[in-house]
PDB file of N, CA and C in Angstrom:
ATOM      1  N   MET A   1     -19.338 -40.193  26.942  1.00  0.00           N
ATOM      2  CA  MET A   1     -19.654 -38.821  27.237  1.00  0.00           C
ATOM      3  C   MET A   1     -18.516 -38.169  28.018  1.00  0.00           C
ATOM      4  N   ILE A   2     -17.984 -38.882  28.994  1.00  0.00           N
ATOM      5  CA  ILE A   2     -16.858 -38.349  29.752  1.00  0.00           C
ATOM      6  C   ILE A   2     -15.640 -38.217  28.839  1.00  0.00           C
ATOM      7  N   ARG A   3     -15.480 -39.183  27.944  1.00  0.00           N
ATOM      8  CA  ARG A   3     -14.350 -39.149  27.024  1.00  0.00           C
ATOM      9  C   ARG A   3     -14.450 -37.918  26.108  1.00  0.00           C
ATOM     10  N   ALA A   4     -15.643 -37.585  25.629  1.00  0.00           N
ATOM     11  CA  ALA A   4     -15.839 -36.416  24.780  1.00  0.00           C
ATOM     12  C   ALA A   4     -15.510 -35.136  25.544  1.00  0.00           C
ATOM     13  N   ALA A   5     -15.882 -35.088  26.822  1.00  0.00           N
ATOM     14  CA  ALA A   5     -15.590 -33.913  27.639  1.00  0.00           C
ATOM     15  C   ALA A   5     -14.085 -33.758  27.846  1.00  0.00           C
ATOM     16  N   ILE A   6     -13.393 -34.864  28.028  1.00  0.00           N
ATOM     17  CA  ILE A   6     -11.939 -34.815  28.220  1.00  0.00           C
ATOM     18  C   ILE A   6     -11.255 -34.333  26.938  1.00  0.00           C
ATOM     19  N   ILE A   7     -11.724 -34.857  25.801  1.00  0.00           N
ATOM     20  CA  ILE A   7     -11.145 -34.438  24.526  1.00  0.00           C
ATOM     21  C   ILE A   7     -11.400 -32.952  24.289  1.00  0.00           C
ATOM     22  N   SER A   8     -12.611 -32.471  24.587  1.00  0.00           N
ATOM     23  CA  SER A   8     -12.935 -31.054  24.430  1.00  0.00           C
ATOM     24  C   SER A   8     -12.061 -30.188  25.317  1.00  0.00           C
ATOM     25  N   ALA A   9     -11.858 -30.626  26.555  1.00  0.00           N
ATOM     26  CA  ALA A   9     -11.025 -29.870  27.481  1.00  0.00           C
ATOM     27  C   ALA A   9      -9.575 -29.828  26.995  1.00  0.00           C
ATOM     28  N   ALA A  10      -9.081 -30.951  26.493  1.00  0.00           N
ATOM     29  CA  ALA A  10      -7.711 -31.012  25.994  1.00  0.00           C
ATOM     30  C   ALA A  10      -7.539 -30.090  24.785  1.00  0.00           C
ATOM     31  N   LEU A  11      -8.528 -30.079  23.891  1.00  0.00           N
ATOM     32  CA  LEU A  11      -8.469 -29.185  22.741  1.00  0.00           C
ATOM     33  C   LEU A  11      -8.488 -27.725  23.170  1.00  0.00           C
ATOM     34  N   ALA A  12      -9.300 -27.400  24.147  1.00  0.00           N
ATOM     35  CA  ALA A  12      -9.373 -26.021  24.636  1.00  0.00           C
ATOM     36  C   ALA A  12      -8.038 -25.589  25.213  1.00  0.00           C
ATOM     37  N   VAL A  13      -7.393 -26.458  25.978  1.00  0.00           N
ATOM     38  CA  VAL A  13      -6.087 -26.135  26.558  1.00  0.00           C
ATOM     39  C   VAL A  13      -5.055 -25.948  25.448  1.00  0.00           C
ATOM     40  N   ALA A  14      -5.110 -26.797  24.422  1.00  0.00           N
ATOM     41  CA  ALA A  14      -4.153 -26.684  23.318  1.00  0.00           C
ATOM     42  C   ALA A  14      -4.339 -25.375  22.558  1.00  0.00           C
ATOM     43  N   VAL A  15      -5.585 -24.986  22.338  1.00  0.00           N
ATOM     44  CA  VAL A  15      -5.846 -23.741  21.630  1.00  0.00           C
ATOM     45  C   VAL A  15      -5.377 -22.546  22.439  1.00  0.00           C
ATOM     46  N   ILE A  16      -5.658 -22.540  23.718  1.00  0.00           N
ATOM     47  CA  ILE A  16      -5.245 -21.439  24.590  1.00  0.00           C
ATOM     48  C   ILE A  16      -3.723 -21.369  24.677  1.00  0.00           C
ATOM     49  N   SER A  17      -3.069 -22.514  24.768  1.00  0.00           N
ATOM     50  CA  SER A  17      -1.609 -22.537  24.844  1.00  0.00           C
ATOM     51  C   SER A  17      -0.986 -22.021  23.553  1.00  0.00           C
ATOM     52  N   ALA A  18      -1.560 -22.418  22.435  1.00  0.00           N
ATOM     53  CA  ALA A  18      -1.018 -21.965  21.150  1.00  0.00           C
ATOM     54  C   ALA A  18      -1.194 -20.470  20.975  1.00  0.00           C
ATOM     55  N   ALA A  19      -2.264 -19.938  21.513  1.00  0.00           N
ATOM     56  CA  ALA A  19      -2.517 -18.504  21.380  1.00  0.00           C
ATOM     57  C   ALA A  19      -1.521 -17.687  22.190  1.00  0.00           C
ATOM     58  N   GLN A  20      -0.920 -18.284  23.186  1.00  0.00           N
ATOM     59  CA  GLN A  20       0.006 -17.550  24.043  1.00  0.00           C
ATOM     60  C   GLN A  20       1.450 -17.619  23.571  1.00  0.00           C
ATOM     61  N   ILE A  21       1.720 -18.373  22.513  1.00  0.00           N
ATOM     62  CA  ILE A  21       3.079 -18.454  21.987  1.00  0.00           C
ATOM     63  C   ILE A  21       3.386 -17.157  21.248  1.00  0.00           C
ATOM     64  N   PRO A  22       4.420 -16.447  21.665  1.00  0.00           N
ATOM     65  CA  PRO A  22       4.723 -15.184  20.992  1.00  0.00           C
ATOM     66  C   PRO A  22       5.230 -15.429  19.571  1.00  0.00           C
ATOM     67  N   ALA A  23       4.711 -14.686  18.660  1.00  0.00           N
ATOM     68  CA  ALA A  23       5.153 -14.775  17.269  1.00  0.00           C
ATOM     69  C   ALA A  23       6.250 -13.747  17.047  1.00  0.00           C
ATOM     70  N   SER A  24       7.239 -14.138  16.275  1.00  0.00           N
ATOM     71  CA  SER A  24       8.309 -13.185  15.977  1.00  0.00           C
ATOM     72  C   SER A  24       7.884 -12.398  14.738  1.00  0.00           C
ATOM     73  N   ALA A  25       7.296 -11.254  14.975  1.00  0.00           N
ATOM     74  CA  ALA A  25       6.795 -10.425  13.884  1.00  0.00           C
ATOM     75  C   ALA A  25       7.807  -9.352  13.525  1.00  0.00           C
ATOM     76  N   GLN A  26       7.875  -9.074  12.245  1.00  0.00           N
ATOM     77  CA  GLN A  26       8.719  -7.980  11.817  1.00  0.00           C
ATOM     78  C   GLN A  26       7.967  -6.685  12.048  1.00  0.00           C
ATOM     79  N   THR A  27       8.711  -5.679  12.403  1.00  0.00           N
ATOM     80  CA  THR A  27       8.089  -4.370  12.541  1.00  0.00           C
ATOM     81  C   THR A  27       8.501  -3.521  11.350  1.00  0.00           C
ATOM     82  N   SER A  28       7.614  -2.646  10.964  1.00  0.00           N
ATOM     83  CA  SER A  28       7.926  -1.766   9.850  1.00  0.00           C
ATOM     84  C   SER A  28       7.556  -0.342  10.222  1.00  0.00           C
ATOM     85  N   ALA A  29       8.208   0.576   9.579  1.00  0.00           N
ATOM     86  CA  ALA A  29       7.968   1.993   9.844  1.00  0.00           C
ATOM     87  C   ALA A  29       7.717   2.711   8.532  1.00  0.00           C
ATOM     88  N   VAL A  30       6.802   3.657   8.569  1.00  0.00           N
ATOM     89  CA  VAL A  30       6.491   4.451   7.386  1.00  0.00           C
ATOM     90  C   VAL A  30       7.580   5.501   7.195  1.00  0.00           C
ATOM     91  N   ASP A  31       8.083   5.569   5.991  1.00  0.00           N
ATOM     92  CA  ASP A  31       9.067   6.584   5.620  1.00  0.00           C
ATOM     93  C   ASP A  31       8.278   7.755   5.026  1.00  0.00           C
ATOM     94  N   THR A  32       7.860   8.676   5.890  1.00  0.00           N
ATOM     95  CA  THR A  32       6.971   9.756   5.455  1.00  0.00           C
ATOM     96  C   THR A  32       7.651  10.725   4.484  1.00  0.00           C
ATOM     97  N   ALA A  33       8.911  11.004   4.690  1.00  0.00           N
ATOM     98  CA  ALA A  33       9.601  11.955   3.818  1.00  0.00           C
ATOM     99  C   ALA A  33       9.703  11.415   2.389  1.00  0.00           C
ATOM    100  N   THR A  34      10.130  10.171   2.242  1.00  0.00           N
ATOM    101  CA  THR A  34      10.247   9.585   0.912  1.00  0.00           C
ATOM    102  C   THR A  34       8.873   9.357   0.303  1.00  0.00           C
ATOM    103  N   SER A  35       7.890   9.002   1.121  1.00  0.00           N
ATOM    104  CA  SER A  35       6.516   8.844   0.627  1.00  0.00           C
ATOM    105  C   SER A  35       6.023  10.145   0.013  1.00  0.00           C
ATOM    106  N   GLN A  36       6.289  11.249   0.678  1.00  0.00           N
ATOM    107  CA  GLN A  36       5.848  12.545   0.171  1.00  0.00           C
ATOM    108  C   GLN A  36       6.587  12.928  -1.113  1.00  0.00           C
ATOM    109  N   ARG A  37       7.887  12.648  -1.148  1.00  0.00           N
ATOM    110  CA  ARG A  37       8.660  12.957  -2.362  1.00  0.00           C
ATOM    111  C   ARG A  37       8.158  12.153  -3.558  1.00  0.00           C
ATOM    112  N   LEU A  38       7.861  10.868  -3.340  1.00  0.00           N
ATOM    113  CA  LEU A  38       7.350  10.038  -4.433  1.00  0.00           C
ATOM    114  C   LEU A  38       5.961  10.497  -4.856  1.00  0.00           C
ATOM    115  N   THR A  39       5.108  10.822  -3.899  1.00  0.00           N
ATOM    116  CA  THR A  39       3.770  11.334  -4.228  1.00  0.00           C
ATOM    117  C   THR A  39       3.880  12.610  -5.050  1.00  0.00           C
ATOM    118  N   ASP A  40       4.740  13.524  -4.636  1.00  0.00           N
ATOM    119  CA  ASP A  40       4.945  14.772  -5.392  1.00  0.00           C
ATOM    120  C   ASP A  40       5.459  14.485  -6.796  1.00  0.00           C
ATOM    121  N   TYR A  41       6.398  13.550  -6.911  1.00  0.00           N
ATOM    122  CA  TYR A  41       6.959  13.169  -8.204  1.00  0.00           C
ATOM    123  C   TYR A  41       5.855  12.632  -9.126  1.00  0.00           C
ATOM    124  N   LEU A  42       5.015  11.748  -8.615  1.00  0.00           N
ATOM    125  CA  LEU A  42       3.938  11.176  -9.431  1.00  0.00           C
ATOM    126  C   LEU A  42       2.947  12.256  -9.870  1.00  0.00           C
ATOM    127  N   ARG A  43       2.626  13.156  -8.966  1.00  0.00           N
ATOM    128  CA  ARG A  43       1.667  14.220  -9.288  1.00  0.00           C
ATOM    129  C   ARG A  43       2.230  15.195 -10.319  1.00  0.00           C
ATOM    130  N   LYS A  44       3.527  15.440 -10.275  1.00  0.00           N
ATOM    131  CA  LYS A  44       4.155  16.328 -11.261  1.00  0.00           C
ATOM    132  C   LYS A  44       4.310  15.654 -12.620  1.00  0.00           C
ATOM    133  N   HIS A  45       4.170  14.345 -12.658  1.00  0.00           N
ATOM    134  CA  HIS A  45       4.317  13.592 -13.901  1.00  0.00           C
ATOM    135  C   HIS A  45       2.980  13.006 -14.352  1.00  0.00           C
ATOM    136  N   ARG A  46       1.976  13.854 -14.368  1.00  0.00           N
ATOM    137  CA  ARG A  46       0.665  13.560 -14.935  1.00  0.00           C
ATOM    138  C   ARG A  46      -0.133  12.481 -14.213  1.00  0.00           C
ATOM    139  N   LEU A  47       0.088  12.320 -12.921  1.00  0.00           N
ATOM    140  CA  LEU A  47      -0.698  11.399 -12.107  1.00  0.00           C
ATOM    141  C   LEU A  47      -1.191  12.152 -10.863  1.00  0.00           C
ATOM    142  N   PRO A  48      -2.086  13.136 -11.057  1.00  0.00           N
ATOM    143  CA  PRO A  48      -2.465  14.032  -9.964  1.00  0.00           C
ATOM    144  C   PRO A  48      -3.305  13.404  -8.864  1.00  0.00           C
ATOM    145  N   LEU A  49      -3.913  12.248  -9.118  1.00  0.00           N
ATOM    146  CA  LEU A  49      -4.768  11.616  -8.110  1.00  0.00           C
ATOM    147  C   LEU A  49      -4.146  10.358  -7.525  1.00  0.00           C
ATOM    148  N   VAL A  50      -2.816  10.234  -7.653  1.00  0.00           N
ATOM    149  CA  VAL A  50      -2.110   9.050  -7.166  1.00  0.00           C
ATOM    150  C   VAL A  50      -1.194   9.449  -6.015  1.00  0.00           C
ATOM    151  N   GLY A  51      -1.155   8.590  -4.988  1.00  0.00           N
ATOM    152  CA  GLY A  51      -0.266   8.810  -3.854  1.00  0.00           C
ATOM    153  C   GLY A  51       0.518   7.545  -3.544  1.00  0.00           C
ATOM    154  N   ALA A  52       1.504   7.673  -2.679  1.00  0.00           N
ATOM    155  CA  ALA A  52       2.346   6.533  -2.320  1.00  0.00           C
ATOM    156  C   ALA A  52       2.669   6.558  -0.833  1.00  0.00           C
ATOM    157  N   GLN A  53       2.737   5.364  -0.247  1.00  0.00           N
ATOM    158  CA  GLN A  53       3.197   5.225   1.135  1.00  0.00           C
ATOM    159  C   GLN A  53       4.296   4.171   1.139  1.00  0.00           C
ATOM    160  N   ILE A  54       5.455   4.549   1.654  1.00  0.00           N
ATOM    161  CA  ILE A  54       6.614   3.666   1.675  1.00  0.00           C
ATOM    162  C   ILE A  54       6.856   3.201   3.101  1.00  0.00           C
ATOM    163  N   THR A  55       6.988   1.887   3.264  1.00  0.00           N
ATOM    164  CA  THR A  55       7.322   1.323   4.579  1.00  0.00           C
ATOM    165  C   THR A  55       8.614   0.529   4.448  1.00  0.00           C
ATOM    166  N   ARG A  56       9.386   0.566   5.510  1.00  0.00           N
ATOM    167  CA  ARG A  56      10.648  -0.181   5.555  1.00  0.00           C
ATOM    168  C   ARG A  56      10.610  -1.073   6.789  1.00  0.00           C
ATOM    169  N   ASP A  57      11.018  -2.349   6.609  1.00  0.00           N
ATOM    170  CA  ASP A  57      11.002  -3.269   7.736  1.00  0.00           C
ATOM    171  C   ASP A  57      12.396  -3.422   8.338  1.00  0.00           C
ATOM    172  N   ASP A  58      12.460  -4.176   9.433  1.00  0.00           N
ATOM    173  CA  ASP A  58      13.710  -4.359  10.173  1.00  0.00           C
ATOM    174  C   ASP A  58      14.825  -4.991   9.340  1.00  0.00           C
ATOM    175  N   SER A  59      14.434  -5.848   8.388  1.00  0.00           N
ATOM    176  CA  SER A  59      15.443  -6.551   7.602  1.00  0.00           C
ATOM    177  C   SER A  59      15.925  -5.742   6.399  1.00  0.00           C
ATOM    178  N   GLY A  60      15.447  -4.505   6.265  1.00  0.00           N
ATOM    179  CA  GLY A  60      15.884  -3.647   5.175  1.00  0.00           C
ATOM    180  C   GLY A  60      14.992  -3.694   3.949  1.00  0.00           C
ATOM    181  N   GLY A  61      13.909  -4.463   4.010  1.00  0.00           N
ATOM    182  CA  GLY A  61      12.984  -4.539   2.888  1.00  0.00           C
ATOM    183  C   GLY A  61      12.144  -3.271   2.776  1.00  0.00           C
ATOM    184  N   THR A  62      11.757  -2.956   1.555  1.00  0.00           N
ATOM    185  CA  THR A  62      10.958  -1.764   1.291  1.00  0.00           C
ATOM    186  C   THR A  62       9.701  -2.157   0.546  1.00  0.00           C
ATOM    187  N   GLN A  63       8.578  -1.604   0.993  1.00  0.00           N
ATOM    188  CA  GLN A  63       7.306  -1.820   0.303  1.00  0.00           C
ATOM    189  C   GLN A  63       6.714  -0.464  -0.041  1.00  0.00           C
ATOM    190  N   VAL A  64       6.229  -0.340  -1.276  1.00  0.00           N
ATOM    191  CA  VAL A  64       5.585   0.880  -1.733  1.00  0.00           C
ATOM    192  C   VAL A  64       4.121   0.557  -2.017  1.00  0.00           C
ATOM    193  N   MET A  65       3.227   1.255  -1.339  1.00  0.00           N
ATOM    194  CA  MET A  65       1.794   1.100  -1.574  1.00  0.00           C
ATOM    195  C   MET A  65       1.337   2.277  -2.414  1.00  0.00           C
ATOM    196  N   LEU A  66       0.875   1.991  -3.632  1.00  0.00           N
ATOM    197  CA  LEU A  66       0.325   3.025  -4.503  1.00  0.00           C
ATOM    198  C   LEU A  66      -1.188   3.021  -4.336  1.00  0.00           C
ATOM    199  N   TYR A  67      -1.776   4.209  -4.267  1.00  0.00           N
ATOM    200  CA  TYR A  67      -3.221   4.318  -4.081  1.00  0.00           C
ATOM    201  C   TYR A  67      -3.727   5.534  -4.845  1.00  0.00           C
ATOM    202  N   GLY A  68      -5.016   5.556  -5.064  1.00  0.00           N
ATOM    203  CA  GLY A  68      -5.618   6.693  -5.743  1.00  0.00           C
ATOM    204  C   GLY A  68      -6.392   6.255  -6.970  1.00  0.00           C
ATOM    205  N   TYR A  69      -6.514   7.173  -7.929  1.00  0.00           N
ATOM    206  CA  TYR A  69      -7.353   6.951  -9.093  1.00  0.00           C
ATOM    207  C   TYR A  69      -6.658   7.404 -10.372  1.00  0.00           C
ATOM    208  N   VAL A  70      -6.893   6.644 -11.435  1.00  0.00           N
ATOM    209  CA  VAL A  70      -6.458   7.010 -12.777  1.00  0.00           C
ATOM    210  C   VAL A  70      -7.611   6.713 -13.731  1.00  0.00           C
ATOM    211  N   ALA A  71      -7.539   7.251 -14.945  1.00  0.00           N
ATOM    212  CA  ALA A  71      -8.621   7.070 -15.911  1.00  0.00           C
ATOM    213  C   ALA A  71      -8.465   5.799 -16.744  1.00  0.00           C
ATOM    214  N   THR A  72      -7.232   5.317 -16.911  1.00  0.00           N
ATOM    215  CA  THR A  72      -6.998   4.182 -17.805  1.00  0.00           C
ATOM    216  C   THR A  72      -6.065   3.154 -17.176  1.00  0.00           C
ATOM    217  N   SER A  73      -6.035   1.977 -17.772  1.00  0.00           N
ATOM    218  CA  SER A  73      -5.104   0.953 -17.302  1.00  0.00           C
ATOM    219  C   SER A  73      -3.659   1.378 -17.581  1.00  0.00           C
ATOM    220  N   PHE A  74      -3.465   2.167 -18.662  1.00  0.00           N
ATOM    221  CA  PHE A  74      -2.127   2.698 -18.928  1.00  0.00           C
ATOM    222  C   PHE A  74      -1.667   3.569 -17.756  1.00  0.00           C
ATOM    223  N   GLY A  75      -2.564   4.410 -17.225  1.00  0.00           N
ATOM    224  CA  GLY A  75      -2.207   5.262 -16.090  1.00  0.00           C
ATOM    225  C   GLY A  75      -1.787   4.450 -14.880  1.00  0.00           C
ATOM    226  N   LYS A  76      -2.473   3.332 -14.661  1.00  0.00           N
ATOM    227  CA  LYS A  76      -2.139   2.468 -13.523  1.00  0.00           C
ATOM    228  C   LYS A  76      -0.747   1.859 -13.696  1.00  0.00           C
ATOM    229  N   SER A  77      -0.470   1.339 -14.893  1.00  0.00           N
ATOM    230  CA  SER A  77       0.852   0.750 -15.116  1.00  0.00           C
ATOM    231  C   SER A  77       1.935   1.825 -15.200  1.00  0.00           C
ATOM    232  N   ASP A  78       1.585   3.014 -15.686  1.00  0.00           N
ATOM    233  CA  ASP A  78       2.537   4.122 -15.754  1.00  0.00           C
ATOM    234  C   ASP A  78       2.972   4.547 -14.347  1.00  0.00           C
ATOM    235  N   ALA A  79       2.027   4.556 -13.416  1.00  0.00           N
ATOM    236  CA  ALA A  79       2.364   4.904 -12.028  1.00  0.00           C
ATOM    237  C   ALA A  79       3.365   3.898 -11.459  1.00  0.00           C
ATOM    238  N   GLU A  80       3.163   2.643 -11.767  1.00  0.00           N
ATOM    239  CA  GLU A  80       4.085   1.620 -11.281  1.00  0.00           C
ATOM    240  C   GLU A  80       5.458   1.753 -11.948  1.00  0.00           C
ATOM    241  N   THR A  81       5.469   2.024 -13.243  1.00  0.00           N
ATOM    242  CA  THR A  81       6.734   2.215 -13.961  1.00  0.00           C
ATOM    243  C   THR A  81       7.506   3.408 -13.403  1.00  0.00           C
ATOM    244  N   LYS A  82       6.816   4.510 -13.180  1.00  0.00           N
ATOM    245  CA  LYS A  82       7.470   5.699 -12.627  1.00  0.00           C
ATOM    246  C   LYS A  82       7.979   5.438 -11.201  1.00  0.00           C
ATOM    247  N   THR A  83       7.224   4.649 -10.444  1.00  0.00           N
ATOM    248  CA  THR A  83       7.646   4.306  -9.078  1.00  0.00           C
ATOM    249  C   THR A  83       8.908   3.463  -9.112  1.00  0.00           C
ATOM    250  N   ARG A  84       8.976   2.499 -10.026  1.00  0.00           N
ATOM    251  CA  ARG A  84      10.172   1.655 -10.132  1.00  0.00           C
ATOM    252  C   ARG A  84      11.400   2.484 -10.498  1.00  0.00           C
ATOM    253  N   SER A  85      11.223   3.494 -11.337  1.00  0.00           N
ATOM    254  CA  SER A  85      12.375   4.331 -11.692  1.00  0.00           C
ATOM    255  C   SER A  85      12.767   5.262 -10.543  1.00  0.00           C
ATOM    256  N   PHE A  86      11.826   5.628  -9.697  1.00  0.00           N
ATOM    257  CA  PHE A  86      12.096   6.515  -8.563  1.00  0.00           C
ATOM    258  C   PHE A  86      12.785   5.763  -7.420  1.00  0.00           C
ATOM    259  N   MET A  87      12.347   4.520  -7.188  1.00  0.00           N
ATOM    260  CA  MET A  87      12.846   3.733  -6.053  1.00  0.00           C
ATOM    261  C   MET A  87      14.100   2.947  -6.432  1.00  0.00           C
ATOM    262  N   LYS A  88      14.832   2.502  -5.397  1.00  0.00           N
ATOM    263  CA  LYS A  88      15.962   1.609  -5.618  1.00  0.00           C
ATOM    264  C   LYS A  88      15.421   0.234  -6.004  1.00  0.00           C
ATOM    265  N   PRO A  89      16.197  -0.537  -6.773  1.00  0.00           N
ATOM    266  CA  PRO A  89      15.741  -1.882  -7.144  1.00  0.00           C
ATOM    267  C   PRO A  89      15.462  -2.737  -5.901  1.00  0.00           C
ATOM    268  N   GLY A  90      14.496  -3.604  -6.025  1.00  0.00           N
ATOM    269  CA  GLY A  90      14.174  -4.516  -4.927  1.00  0.00           C
ATOM    270  C   GLY A  90      12.979  -4.100  -4.104  1.00  0.00           C
ATOM    271  N   ALA A  91      12.467  -2.915  -4.318  1.00  0.00           N
ATOM    272  CA  ALA A  91      11.291  -2.477  -3.567  1.00  0.00           C
ATOM    273  C   ALA A  91      10.065  -3.239  -4.064  1.00  0.00           C
ATOM    274  N   GLN A  92       9.281  -3.733  -3.123  1.00  0.00           N
ATOM    275  CA  GLN A  92       8.034  -4.412  -3.469  1.00  0.00           C
ATOM    276  C   GLN A  92       6.962  -3.353  -3.683  1.00  0.00           C
ATOM    277  N   ILE A  93       6.271  -3.417  -4.816  1.00  0.00           N
ATOM    278  CA  ILE A  93       5.234  -2.432  -5.115  1.00  0.00           C
ATOM    279  C   ILE A  93       3.872  -3.108  -5.063  1.00  0.00           C
ATOM    280  N   VAL A  94       2.992  -2.533  -4.269  1.00  0.00           N
ATOM    281  CA  VAL A  94       1.613  -2.994  -4.184  1.00  0.00           C
ATOM    282  C   VAL A  94       0.762  -1.908  -4.824  1.00  0.00           C
ATOM    283  N   ASN A  95       0.149  -2.234  -5.946  1.00  0.00           N
ATOM    284  CA  ASN A  95      -0.584  -1.242  -6.726  1.00  0.00           C
ATOM    285  C   ASN A  95      -2.079  -1.351  -6.428  1.00  0.00           C
ATOM    286  N   ARG A  96      -2.589  -0.446  -5.615  1.00  0.00           N
ATOM    287  CA  ARG A  96      -4.009  -0.426  -5.256  1.00  0.00           C
ATOM    288  C   ARG A  96      -4.753   0.709  -5.957  1.00  0.00           C
ATOM    289  N   ILE A  97      -4.188   1.208  -7.032  1.00  0.00           N
ATOM    290  CA  ILE A  97      -4.808   2.295  -7.787  1.00  0.00           C
ATOM    291  C   ILE A  97      -6.066   1.767  -8.476  1.00  0.00           C
ATOM    292  N   GLN A  98      -7.120   2.545  -8.413  1.00  0.00           N
ATOM    293  CA  GLN A  98      -8.376   2.166  -9.068  1.00  0.00           C
ATOM    294  C   GLN A  98      -8.521   2.908 -10.390  1.00  0.00           C
ATOM    295  N   ILE A  99      -9.035   2.196 -11.384  1.00  0.00           N
ATOM    296  CA  ILE A  99      -9.267   2.793 -12.697  1.00  0.00           C
ATOM    297  C   ILE A  99     -10.694   3.331 -12.730  1.00  0.00           C
ATOM    298  N   ARG A 100     -10.813   4.617 -13.001  1.00  0.00           N
ATOM    299  CA  ARG A 100     -12.111   5.292 -13.091  1.00  0.00           C
ATOM    300  C   ARG A 100     -12.162   6.076 -14.396  1.00  0.00           C
ATOM    301  N   PRO A 101     -12.749   5.501 -15.459  1.00  0.00           N
ATOM    302  CA  PRO A 101     -12.777   6.171 -16.767  1.00  0.00           C
ATOM    303  C   PRO A 101     -13.442   7.547 -16.743  1.00  0.00           C
ATOM    304  N   GLU A 102     -14.358   7.780 -15.815  1.00  0.00           N
ATOM    305  CA  GLU A 102     -15.038   9.078 -15.765  1.00  0.00           C
ATOM    306  C   GLU A 102     -14.091  10.231 -15.471  1.00  0.00           C
ATOM    307  N   ILE A 103     -12.907   9.939 -14.995  1.00  0.00           N
ATOM    308  CA  ILE A 103     -11.916  10.974 -14.718  1.00  0.00           C
ATOM    309  C   ILE A 103     -11.520  11.700 -16.007  1.00  0.00           C
ATOM    310  N   LEU A 104     -11.585  10.995 -17.135  1.00  0.00           N
ATOM    311  CA  LEU A 104     -11.236  11.615 -18.418  1.00  0.00           C
ATOM    312  C   LEU A 104     -12.089  12.845 -18.704  1.00  0.00           C
ATOM    313  N   HIS A 105     -13.314  12.869 -18.200  1.00  0.00           N
ATOM    314  CA  HIS A 105     -14.246  13.952 -18.493  1.00  0.00           C
ATOM    315  C   HIS A 105     -14.176  15.105 -17.499  1.00  0.00           C
ATOM    316  N   LEU A 106     -13.353  14.974 -16.484  1.00  0.00           N
ATOM    317  CA  LEU A 106     -13.196  16.068 -15.524  1.00  0.00           C
ATOM    318  C   LEU A 106     -12.330  17.148 -16.138  1.00  0.00           C
ATOM    319  N   LYS A 107     -12.655  18.353 -15.845  1.00  0.00           N
ATOM    320  CA  LYS A 107     -11.853  19.466 -16.365  1.00  0.00           C
ATOM    321  C   LYS A 107     -10.951  19.987 -15.267  1.00  0.00           C
ATOM    322  N   ARG A 108      -9.796  20.414 -15.680  1.00  0.00           N
ATOM    323  CA  ARG A 108      -8.830  20.984 -14.743  1.00  0.00           C
ATOM    324  C   ARG A 108      -9.348  22.332 -14.284  1.00  0.00           C
ATOM    325  N   LYS A 109      -9.239  22.568 -12.994  1.00  0.00           N
ATOM    326  CA  LYS A 109      -9.665  23.849 -12.433  1.00  0.00           C
ATOM    327  C   LYS A 109      -8.637  24.909 -12.817  1.00  0.00           C
ATOM    328  N   THR A 110      -9.121  25.972 -13.435  1.00  0.00           N
ATOM    329  CA  THR A 110      -8.212  27.049 -13.844  1.00  0.00           C
ATOM    330  C   THR A 110      -8.411  28.241 -12.918  1.00  0.00           C
ATOM    331  N   THR A 111      -7.356  28.989 -12.762  1.00  0.00           N
ATOM    332  CA  THR A 111      -7.449  30.192 -11.946  1.00  0.00           C
ATOM    333  C   THR A 111      -7.723  31.372 -12.843  1.00  0.00           C
ATOM    334  N   ASP A 112      -8.700  32.154 -12.490  1.00  0.00           N
ATOM    335  CA  ASP A 112      -9.080  33.314 -13.291  1.00  0.00           C
ATOM    336  C   ASP A 112      -8.251  34.505 -12.839  1.00  0.00           C
ATOM    337  N   THR A 113      -7.396  34.969 -13.733  1.00  0.00           N
ATOM    338  CA  THR A 113      -6.532  36.108 -13.378  1.00  0.00           C
ATOM    339  C   THR A 113      -7.237  37.427 -13.658  1.00  0.00           C
ATOM    340  N   GLY A 114      -8.290  37.386 -14.469  1.00  0.00           N
ATOM    341  CA  GLY A 114      -9.078  38.599 -14.718  1.00  0.00           C
ATOM    342  C   GLY A 114      -8.351  39.604 -15.574  1.00  0.00           C
ATOM    343  N   PRO A 115      -9.111  40.655 -16.021  1.00  0.00           N
ATOM    344  CA  PRO A 115      -8.497  41.699 -16.878  1.00  0.00           C
ATOM    345  C   PRO A 115      -7.651  42.673 -16.100  1.00  0.00           C
TER     346      PRO A 115
END
């Protein structure tokens, strides 16, 4: 029983000590200007419900997060293809776009200019 208590105490100390070891984490920053330009580009190229967020890390790596909605799987892959052509080679693309077929039945809002 005493031996079990000693082992438990030793494990607790090891866990607490490990939790205090600082991890060398990379920091990343959102590139809001380029994110907005890419979002605008996608929306002007028939992807009106798709957006992008670009982050750059300390080592120079770039990640593009695509989000939003499209009606077909083609739209999802098209967004990624257009993003690859917009970005410099080497950018990691994370495609979180959701396919919603009901979007096909939505009508574009038109502005009534009147007589």
